[in-house]
């Protein structure tokens, strides 16, 4: 199972959203109303981007062993869960 590093940037003031960015999966950036919502949104973004890459015949990014982001408030490993079947002809 592939796991990607996700950086979370917590809001600095009331009314702001949590930003989530996959550090080792380019283009996977989203936001949520709170941390649980941001986790759901980034998981969905990772799935959608991975599915698109696979449909285009492109490889998925290789997760790095250690990702750091000094500006992030929290970094977590997020598993990628997608179905990759064989296309019907």
PDB file of N, CA and C in Angstrom:
ATOM      1  N   UNK A   1       0.844  -1.178   0.000  1.00  0.00           N
ATOM      2  CA  UNK A   1       0.000   0.000   0.000  1.00  0.00           C
ATOM      3  C   UNK A   1       0.889   1.242   0.000  1.00  0.00           C
ATOM      4  N   UNK A   2       0.581   2.158  -0.881  1.00  0.00           N
ATOM      5  CA  UNK A   2       1.328   3.408  -0.943  1.00  0.00           C
ATOM      6  C   UNK A   2       0.808   4.367   0.130  1.00  0.00           C
ATOM      7  N   UNK A   3       1.740   5.032   0.791  1.00  0.00           N
ATOM      8  CA  UNK A   3       1.382   6.038   1.802  1.00  0.00           C
ATOM      9  C   UNK A   3       2.142   7.312   1.486  1.00  0.00           C
ATOM     10  N   UNK A   4       1.408   8.407   1.435  1.00  0.00           N
ATOM     11  CA  UNK A   4       1.991   9.697   1.102  1.00  0.00           C
ATOM     12  C   UNK A   4       1.970  10.619   2.319  1.00  0.00           C
ATOM     13  N   UNK A   5       2.994  11.464   2.399  1.00  0.00           N
ATOM     14  CA  UNK A   5       3.093  12.434   3.495  1.00  0.00           C
ATOM     15  C   UNK A   5       2.167  13.612   3.208  1.00  0.00           C
ATOM     16  N   UNK A   6       1.316  13.919   4.172  1.00  0.00           N
ATOM     17  CA  UNK A   6       0.384  15.035   4.027  1.00  0.00           C
ATOM     18  C   UNK A   6       0.671  16.059   5.115  1.00  0.00           C
ATOM     19  N   UNK A   7       0.886  17.300   4.694  1.00  0.00           N
ATOM     20  CA  UNK A   7       1.100  18.407   5.625  1.00  0.00           C
ATOM     21  C   UNK A   7      -0.232  19.113   5.845  1.00  0.00           C
ATOM     22  N   UNK A   8      -0.517  19.406   7.099  1.00  0.00           N
ATOM     23  CA  UNK A   8      -1.726  20.140   7.451  1.00  0.00           C
ATOM     24  C   UNK A   8      -1.326  21.489   8.034  1.00  0.00           C
ATOM     25  N   UNK A   9      -2.001  22.510   7.561  1.00  0.00           N
ATOM     26  CA  UNK A   9      -1.773  23.869   8.048  1.00  0.00           C
ATOM     27  C   UNK A   9      -3.054  24.303   8.757  1.00  0.00           C
ATOM     28  N   UNK A  10      -2.971  24.438  10.073  1.00  0.00           N
ATOM     29  CA  UNK A  10      -4.145  24.760  10.871  1.00  0.00           C
ATOM     30  C   UNK A  10      -4.457  26.246  10.781  1.00  0.00           C
ATOM     31  N   UNK A  11      -5.733  26.599  10.959  1.00  0.00           N
ATOM     32  CA  UNK A  11      -6.114  27.995  10.820  1.00  0.00           C
ATOM     33  C   UNK A  11      -5.484  28.880  11.897  1.00  0.00           C
ATOM     34  N   UNK A  12      -5.161  30.099  11.477  1.00  0.00           N
ATOM     35  CA  UNK A  12      -4.574  31.059  12.397  1.00  0.00           C
ATOM     36  C   UNK A  12      -5.616  31.873  13.127  1.00  0.00           C
ATOM     37  N   UNK A  13      -6.829  31.900  12.605  1.00  0.00           N
ATOM     38  CA  UNK A  13      -7.896  32.662  13.251  1.00  0.00           C
ATOM     39  C   UNK A  13      -9.238  32.002  12.952  1.00  0.00           C
ATOM     40  N   UNK A  14     -10.254  32.321  13.741  1.00  0.00           N
ATOM     41  CA  UNK A  14     -11.578  31.721  13.534  1.00  0.00           C
ATOM     42  C   UNK A  14     -12.100  32.006  12.127  1.00  0.00           C
ATOM     43  N   UNK A  15     -12.771  31.023  11.560  1.00  0.00           N
ATOM     44  CA  UNK A  15     -13.350  31.164  10.237  1.00  0.00           C
ATOM     45  C   UNK A  15     -12.442  30.715   9.105  1.00  0.00           C
ATOM     46  N   UNK A  16     -11.165  30.519   9.377  1.00  0.00           N
ATOM     47  CA  UNK A  16     -10.251  30.034   8.349  1.00  0.00           C
ATOM     48  C   UNK A  16     -10.332  28.516   8.272  1.00  0.00           C
ATOM     49  N   UNK A  17      -9.906  27.965   7.151  1.00  0.00           N
ATOM     50  CA  UNK A  17      -9.990  26.527   6.934  1.00  0.00           C
ATOM     51  C   UNK A  17      -8.631  25.863   7.125  1.00  0.00           C
ATOM     52  N   UNK A  18      -8.660  24.551   7.344  1.00  0.00           N
ATOM     53  CA  UNK A  18      -7.447  23.742   7.434  1.00  0.00           C
ATOM     54  C   UNK A  18      -7.016  23.411   6.003  1.00  0.00           C
ATOM     55  N   UNK A  19      -5.759  23.648   5.688  1.00  0.00           N
ATOM     56  CA  UNK A  19      -5.224  23.327   4.365  1.00  0.00           C
ATOM     57  C   UNK A  19      -4.446  22.026   4.459  1.00  0.00           C
ATOM     58  N   UNK A  20      -4.625  21.148   3.483  1.00  0.00           N
ATOM     59  CA  UNK A  20      -3.920  19.869   3.426  1.00  0.00           C
ATOM     60  C   UNK A  20      -3.196  19.772   2.093  1.00  0.00           C
ATOM     61  N   UNK A  21      -1.927  19.348   2.143  1.00  0.00           N
ATOM     62  CA  UNK A  21      -1.110  19.233   0.937  1.00  0.00           C
ATOM     63  C   UNK A  21      -0.290  17.950   1.010  1.00  0.00           C
ATOM     64  N   UNK A  22      -0.410  17.104  -0.011  1.00  0.00           N
ATOM     65  CA  UNK A  22       0.420  15.903  -0.077  1.00  0.00           C
ATOM     66  C   UNK A  22       1.811  16.324  -0.546  1.00  0.00           C
ATOM     67  N   UNK A  23       2.798  16.127   0.293  1.00  0.00           N
ATOM     68  CA  UNK A  23       4.145  16.609   0.001  1.00  0.00           C
ATOM     69  C   UNK A  23       4.836  15.812  -1.098  1.00  0.00           C
ATOM     70  N   UNK A  24       4.471  14.540  -1.233  1.00  0.00           N
ATOM     71  CA  UNK A  24       5.132  13.705  -2.225  1.00  0.00           C
ATOM     72  C   UNK A  24       4.179  13.228  -3.330  1.00  0.00           C
ATOM     73  N   UNK A  25       3.081  13.959  -3.519  1.00  0.00           N
ATOM     74  CA  UNK A  25       2.155  13.700  -4.619  1.00  0.00           C
ATOM     75  C   UNK A  25       1.761  15.056  -5.206  1.00  0.00           C
ATOM     76  N   UNK A  26       2.508  15.515  -6.215  1.00  0.00           N
ATOM     77  CA  UNK A  26       2.285  16.854  -6.774  1.00  0.00           C
ATOM     78  C   UNK A  26       0.832  17.082  -7.206  1.00  0.00           C
ATOM     79  N   UNK A  27       0.317  18.233  -6.841  1.00  0.00           N
ATOM     80  CA  UNK A  27      -1.030  18.622  -7.230  1.00  0.00           C
ATOM     81  C   UNK A  27      -2.108  18.295  -6.230  1.00  0.00           C
ATOM     82  N   UNK A  28      -1.805  17.476  -5.233  1.00  0.00           N
ATOM     83  CA  UNK A  28      -2.806  17.088  -4.244  1.00  0.00           C
ATOM     84  C   UNK A  28      -2.825  18.117  -3.111  1.00  0.00           C
ATOM     85  N   UNK A  29      -3.705  19.093  -3.254  1.00  0.00           N
ATOM     86  CA  UNK A  29      -3.874  20.157  -2.261  1.00  0.00           C
ATOM     87  C   UNK A  29      -5.362  20.414  -2.122  1.00  0.00           C
ATOM     88  N   UNK A  30      -5.819  20.587  -0.886  1.00  0.00           N
ATOM     89  CA  UNK A  30      -7.234  20.850  -0.652  1.00  0.00           C
ATOM     90  C   UNK A  30      -7.392  21.538   0.694  1.00  0.00           C
ATOM     91  N   UNK A  31      -8.621  21.721   1.116  1.00  0.00           N
ATOM     92  CA  UNK A  31      -8.879  22.329   2.419  1.00  0.00           C
ATOM     93  C   UNK A  31     -10.150  21.743   3.004  1.00  0.00           C
ATOM     94  N   UNK A  32     -10.308  21.918   4.311  1.00  0.00           N
ATOM     95  CA  UNK A  32     -11.486  21.431   4.996  1.00  0.00           C
ATOM     96  C   UNK A  32     -11.860  22.367   6.123  1.00  0.00           C
ATOM     97  N   UNK A  33     -13.080  22.213   6.622  1.00  0.00           N
ATOM     98  CA  UNK A  33     -13.559  23.075   7.701  1.00  0.00           C
ATOM     99  C   UNK A  33     -12.815  22.836   9.009  1.00  0.00           C
ATOM    100  N   UNK A  34     -12.369  21.580   9.207  1.00  0.00           N
ATOM    101  CA  UNK A  34     -11.602  21.217  10.397  1.00  0.00           C
ATOM    102  C   UNK A  34     -10.654  20.086   9.993  1.00  0.00           C
ATOM    103  N   UNK A  35      -9.858  19.579  10.939  1.00  0.00           N
ATOM    104  CA  UNK A  35      -8.864  18.552  10.610  1.00  0.00           C
ATOM    105  C   UNK A  35      -9.492  17.269  10.065  1.00  0.00           C
ATOM    106  N   UNK A  36     -10.564  16.735  10.691  1.00  0.00           N
ATOM    107  CA  UNK A  36     -11.174  15.524  10.113  1.00  0.00           C
ATOM    108  C   UNK A  36     -11.693  15.751   8.687  1.00  0.00           C
ATOM    109  N   UNK A  37     -12.286  16.910   8.435  1.00  0.00           N
ATOM    110  CA  UNK A  37     -12.779  17.217   7.101  1.00  0.00           C
ATOM    111  C   UNK A  37     -11.623  17.344   6.112  1.00  0.00           C
ATOM    112  N   UNK A  38     -10.535  17.968   6.519  1.00  0.00           N
ATOM    113  CA  UNK A  38      -9.362  18.111   5.644  1.00  0.00           C
ATOM    114  C   UNK A  38      -8.770  16.742   5.320  1.00  0.00           C
ATOM    115  N   UNK A  39      -8.780  15.823   6.292  1.00  0.00           N
ATOM    116  CA  UNK A  39      -8.291  14.463   6.038  1.00  0.00           C
ATOM    117  C   UNK A  39      -9.136  13.766   4.976  1.00  0.00           C
ATOM    118  N   UNK A  40     -10.449  13.902   5.072  1.00  0.00           N
ATOM    119  CA  UNK A  40     -11.333  13.297   4.068  1.00  0.00           C
ATOM    120  C   UNK A  40     -11.104  13.912   2.692  1.00  0.00           C
ATOM    121  N   UNK A  41     -10.946  15.216   2.656  1.00  0.00           N
ATOM    122  CA  UNK A  41     -10.772  15.913   1.383  1.00  0.00           C
ATOM    123  C   UNK A  41      -9.457  15.538   0.705  1.00  0.00           C
ATOM    124  N   UNK A  42      -8.363  15.424   1.470  1.00  0.00           N
ATOM    125  CA  UNK A  42      -7.071  15.089   0.857  1.00  0.00           C
ATOM    126  C   UNK A  42      -7.065  13.625   0.413  1.00  0.00           C
ATOM    127  N   UNK A  43      -7.738  12.754   1.170  1.00  0.00           N
ATOM    128  CA  UNK A  43      -7.836  11.351   0.743  1.00  0.00           C
ATOM    129  C   UNK A  43      -8.574  11.269  -0.594  1.00  0.00           C
ATOM    130  N   UNK A  44      -9.638  12.048  -0.740  1.00  0.00           N
ATOM    131  CA  UNK A  44     -10.393  12.082  -1.987  1.00  0.00           C
ATOM    132  C   UNK A  44      -9.556  12.656  -3.123  1.00  0.00           C
ATOM    133  N   UNK A  45      -8.808  13.715  -2.842  1.00  0.00           N
ATOM    134  CA  UNK A  45      -7.951  14.326  -3.865  1.00  0.00           C
ATOM    135  C   UNK A  45      -6.885  13.340  -4.337  1.00  0.00           C
ATOM    136  N   UNK A  46      -6.281  12.618  -3.403  1.00  0.00           N
ATOM    137  CA  UNK A  46      -5.268  11.618  -3.766  1.00  0.00           C
ATOM    138  C   UNK A  46      -5.869  10.532  -4.646  1.00  0.00           C
ATOM    139  N   UNK A  47      -7.049  10.043  -4.281  1.00  0.00           N
ATOM    140  CA  UNK A  47      -7.705   9.006  -5.076  1.00  0.00           C
ATOM    141  C   UNK A  47      -8.016   9.503  -6.485  1.00  0.00           C
ATOM    142  N   UNK A  48      -8.569  10.711  -6.577  1.00  0.00           N
ATOM    143  CA  UNK A  48      -8.932  11.257  -7.887  1.00  0.00           C
ATOM    144  C   UNK A  48      -7.707  11.461  -8.773  1.00  0.00           C
ATOM    145  N   UNK A  49      -6.651  12.038  -8.221  1.00  0.00           N
ATOM    146  CA  UNK A  49      -5.440  12.270  -9.002  1.00  0.00           C
ATOM    147  C   UNK A  49      -4.780  10.956  -9.417  1.00  0.00           C
ATOM    148  N   UNK A  50      -4.754   9.983  -8.508  1.00  0.00           N
ATOM    149  CA  UNK A  50      -4.160   8.687  -8.828  1.00  0.00           C
ATOM    150  C   UNK A  50      -4.944   8.003  -9.941  1.00  0.00           C
ATOM    151  N   UNK A  51      -6.260   8.050  -9.857  1.00  0.00           N
ATOM    152  CA  UNK A  51      -7.101   7.438 -10.890  1.00  0.00           C
ATOM    153  C   UNK A  51      -6.849   8.096 -12.245  1.00  0.00           C
ATOM    154  N   UNK A  52      -6.732   9.414 -12.245  1.00  0.00           N
ATOM    155  CA  UNK A  52      -6.465  10.138 -13.493  1.00  0.00           C
ATOM    156  C   UNK A  52      -5.121   9.732 -14.093  1.00  0.00           C
ATOM    157  N   UNK A  53      -4.087   9.659 -13.256  1.00  0.00           N
ATOM    158  CA  UNK A  53      -2.765   9.255 -13.753  1.00  0.00           C
ATOM    159  C   UNK A  53      -2.812   7.849 -14.342  1.00  0.00           C
ATOM    160  N   UNK A  54      -3.473   6.933 -13.640  1.00  0.00           N
ATOM    161  CA  UNK A  54      -3.549   5.555 -14.126  1.00  0.00           C
ATOM    162  C   UNK A  54      -4.329   5.472 -15.445  1.00  0.00           C
ATOM    163  N   UNK A  55      -5.417   6.233 -15.548  1.00  0.00           N
ATOM    164  CA  UNK A  55      -6.202   6.235 -16.788  1.00  0.00           C
ATOM    165  C   UNK A  55      -5.389   6.778 -17.961  1.00  0.00           C
ATOM    166  N   UNK A  56      -4.464   7.693 -17.678  1.00  0.00           N
ATOM    167  CA  UNK A  56      -3.609   8.254 -18.724  1.00  0.00           C
ATOM    168  C   UNK A  56      -2.369   7.406 -18.975  1.00  0.00           C
ATOM    169  N   UNK A  57      -2.239   6.298 -18.247  1.00  0.00           N
ATOM    170  CA  UNK A  57      -1.104   5.411 -18.420  1.00  0.00           C
ATOM    171  C   UNK A  57       0.180   5.929 -17.795  1.00  0.00           C
ATOM    172  N   UNK A  58       0.052   6.844 -16.877  1.00  0.00           N
ATOM    173  CA  UNK A  58       1.221   7.427 -16.215  1.00  0.00           C
ATOM    174  C   UNK A  58       1.433   6.768 -14.860  1.00  0.00           C
ATOM    175  N   UNK A  59       2.679   6.727 -14.388  1.00  0.00           N
ATOM    176  CA  UNK A  59       2.951   6.110 -13.094  1.00  0.00           C
ATOM    177  C   UNK A  59       2.538   7.021 -11.935  1.00  0.00           C
ATOM    178  N   UNK A  60       2.262   6.401 -10.812  1.00  0.00           N
ATOM    179  CA  UNK A  60       1.985   7.170  -9.602  1.00  0.00           C
ATOM    180  C   UNK A  60       3.301   7.681  -9.028  1.00  0.00           C
ATOM    181  N   UNK A  61       3.283   8.831  -8.372  1.00  0.00           N
ATOM    182  CA  UNK A  61       4.503   9.316  -7.722  1.00  0.00           C
ATOM    183  C   UNK A  61       4.971   8.320  -6.656  1.00  0.00           C
ATOM    184  N   UNK A  62       6.264   8.186  -6.531  1.00  0.00           N
ATOM    185  CA  UNK A  62       6.831   7.296  -5.516  1.00  0.00           C
ATOM    186  C   UNK A  62       6.939   8.069  -4.202  1.00  0.00           C
ATOM    187  N   UNK A  63       6.314   7.554  -3.129  1.00  0.00           N
ATOM    188  CA  UNK A  63       6.413   8.246  -1.850  1.00  0.00           C
ATOM    189  C   UNK A  63       7.866   8.302  -1.368  1.00  0.00           C
ATOM    190  N   UNK A  64       8.211   9.386  -0.728  1.00  0.00           N
ATOM    191  CA  UNK A  64       9.553   9.521  -0.170  1.00  0.00           C
ATOM    192  C   UNK A  64       9.578   8.906   1.222  1.00  0.00           C
ATOM    193  N   UNK A  65      10.773   8.535   1.675  1.00  0.00           N
ATOM    194  CA  UNK A  65      10.888   7.924   2.997  1.00  0.00           C
ATOM    195  C   UNK A  65      10.626   8.912   4.119  1.00  0.00           C
ATOM    196  N   UNK A  66      11.066  10.137   3.919  1.00  0.00           N
ATOM    197  CA  UNK A  66      10.908  11.140   4.968  1.00  0.00           C
ATOM    198  C   UNK A  66      10.641  12.482   4.318  1.00  0.00           C
ATOM    199  N   UNK A  67       9.497  13.049   4.598  1.00  0.00           N
ATOM    200  CA  UNK A  67       9.157  14.364   4.058  1.00  0.00           C
ATOM    201  C   UNK A  67       9.081  15.354   5.202  1.00  0.00           C
ATOM    202  N   UNK A  68       9.629  16.507   4.981  1.00  0.00           N
ATOM    203  CA  UNK A  68       9.560  17.531   6.022  1.00  0.00           C
ATOM    204  C   UNK A  68       9.029  18.823   5.412  1.00  0.00           C
ATOM    205  N   UNK A  69       8.378  19.582   6.245  1.00  0.00           N
ATOM    206  CA  UNK A  69       7.848  20.881   5.845  1.00  0.00           C
ATOM    207  C   UNK A  69       7.805  21.727   7.109  1.00  0.00           C
ATOM    208  N   UNK A  70       8.777  22.605   7.279  1.00  0.00           N
ATOM    209  CA  UNK A  70       8.859  23.361   8.519  1.00  0.00           C
ATOM    210  C   UNK A  70       7.647  24.246   8.798  1.00  0.00           C
ATOM    211  N   UNK A  71       6.906  24.630   7.769  1.00  0.00           N
ATOM    212  CA  UNK A  71       5.746  25.494   7.975  1.00  0.00           C
ATOM    213  C   UNK A  71       4.496  24.737   8.409  1.00  0.00           C
ATOM    214  N   UNK A  72       4.488  23.416   8.226  1.00  0.00           N
ATOM    215  CA  UNK A  72       3.297  22.619   8.538  1.00  0.00           C
ATOM    216  C   UNK A  72       3.100  22.501  10.044  1.00  0.00           C
ATOM    217  N   UNK A  73       1.836  22.481  10.447  1.00  0.00           N
ATOM    218  CA  UNK A  73       1.503  22.270  11.852  1.00  0.00           C
ATOM    219  C   UNK A  73       1.486  20.789  12.205  1.00  0.00           C
ATOM    220  N   UNK A  74       1.275  19.946  11.194  1.00  0.00           N
ATOM    221  CA  UNK A  74       1.157  18.510  11.411  1.00  0.00           C
ATOM    222  C   UNK A  74       1.466  17.806  10.097  1.00  0.00           C
ATOM    223  N   UNK A  75       2.208  16.695  10.159  1.00  0.00           N
ATOM    224  CA  UNK A  75       2.449  15.863   8.976  1.00  0.00           C
ATOM    225  C   UNK A  75       2.041  14.431   9.329  1.00  0.00           C
ATOM    226  N   UNK A  76       1.218  13.847   8.461  1.00  0.00           N
ATOM    227  CA  UNK A  76       0.752  12.476   8.666  1.00  0.00           C
ATOM    228  C   UNK A  76       0.954  11.670   7.393  1.00  0.00           C
ATOM    229  N   UNK A  77       1.071  10.356   7.546  1.00  0.00           N
ATOM    230  CA  UNK A  77       1.097   9.457   6.391  1.00  0.00           C
ATOM    231  C   UNK A  77      -0.343   9.108   6.032  1.00  0.00           C
ATOM    232  N   UNK A  78      -0.683   9.280   4.763  1.00  0.00           N
ATOM    233  CA  UNK A  78      -2.036   9.009   4.285  1.00  0.00           C
ATOM    234  C   UNK A  78      -1.972   7.863   3.287  1.00  0.00           C
ATOM    235  N   UNK A  79      -2.668   6.748   3.573  1.00  0.00           N
ATOM    236  CA  UNK A  79      -2.661   5.642   2.612  1.00  0.00           C
ATOM    237  C   UNK A  79      -3.501   5.977   1.387  1.00  0.00           C
ATOM    238  N   UNK A  80      -3.062   5.501   0.241  1.00  0.00           N
ATOM    239  CA  UNK A  80      -3.802   5.686  -1.001  1.00  0.00           C
ATOM    240  C   UNK A  80      -4.584   4.410  -1.281  1.00  0.00           C
ATOM    241  N   UNK A  81      -5.866   4.555  -1.434  1.00  0.00           N
ATOM    242  CA  UNK A  81      -6.721   3.402  -1.679  1.00  0.00           C
ATOM    243  C   UNK A  81      -7.481   3.626  -2.986  1.00  0.00           C
ATOM    244  N   UNK A  82      -7.086   2.875  -4.024  1.00  0.00           N
ATOM    245  CA  UNK A  82      -7.784   2.968  -5.305  1.00  0.00           C
ATOM    246  C   UNK A  82      -7.956   1.576  -5.882  1.00  0.00           C
ATOM    247  N   UNK A  83      -8.893   1.455  -6.797  1.00  0.00           N
ATOM    248  CA  UNK A  83      -9.103   0.211  -7.512  1.00  0.00           C
ATOM    249  C   UNK A  83      -8.498   0.362  -8.902  1.00  0.00           C
ATOM    250  N   UNK A  84      -7.592  -0.514  -9.216  1.00  0.00           N
ATOM    251  CA  UNK A  84      -6.954  -0.477 -10.535  1.00  0.00           C
ATOM    252  C   UNK A  84      -7.248  -1.791 -11.243  1.00  0.00           C
ATOM    253  N   UNK A  85      -8.316  -1.812 -11.999  1.00  0.00           N
ATOM    254  CA  UNK A  85      -8.700  -3.018 -12.713  1.00  0.00           C
ATOM    255  C   UNK A  85      -8.238  -2.971 -14.158  1.00  0.00           C
ATOM    256  N   UNK A  86      -8.543  -4.024 -14.861  1.00  0.00           N
ATOM    257  CA  UNK A  86      -8.196  -4.106 -16.282  1.00  0.00           C
ATOM    258  C   UNK A  86      -9.386  -3.581 -17.084  1.00  0.00           C
ATOM    259  N   UNK A  87      -9.119  -2.701 -18.029  1.00  0.00           N
ATOM    260  CA  UNK A  87     -10.182  -2.116 -18.844  1.00  0.00           C
ATOM    261  C   UNK A  87     -10.848  -3.169 -19.716  1.00  0.00           C
ATOM    262  N   UNK A  88     -12.150  -3.069 -19.851  1.00  0.00           N
ATOM    263  CA  UNK A  88     -12.916  -3.972 -20.718  1.00  0.00           C
ATOM    264  C   UNK A  88     -12.762  -3.527 -22.165  1.00  0.00           C
ATOM    265  N   UNK A  89     -12.654  -4.465 -23.066  1.00  0.00           N
ATOM    266  CA  UNK A  89     -12.544  -4.131 -24.493  1.00  0.00           C
ATOM    267  C   UNK A  89     -13.720  -4.652 -25.241  1.00  0.00           C
TER     268      UNK A  89
END
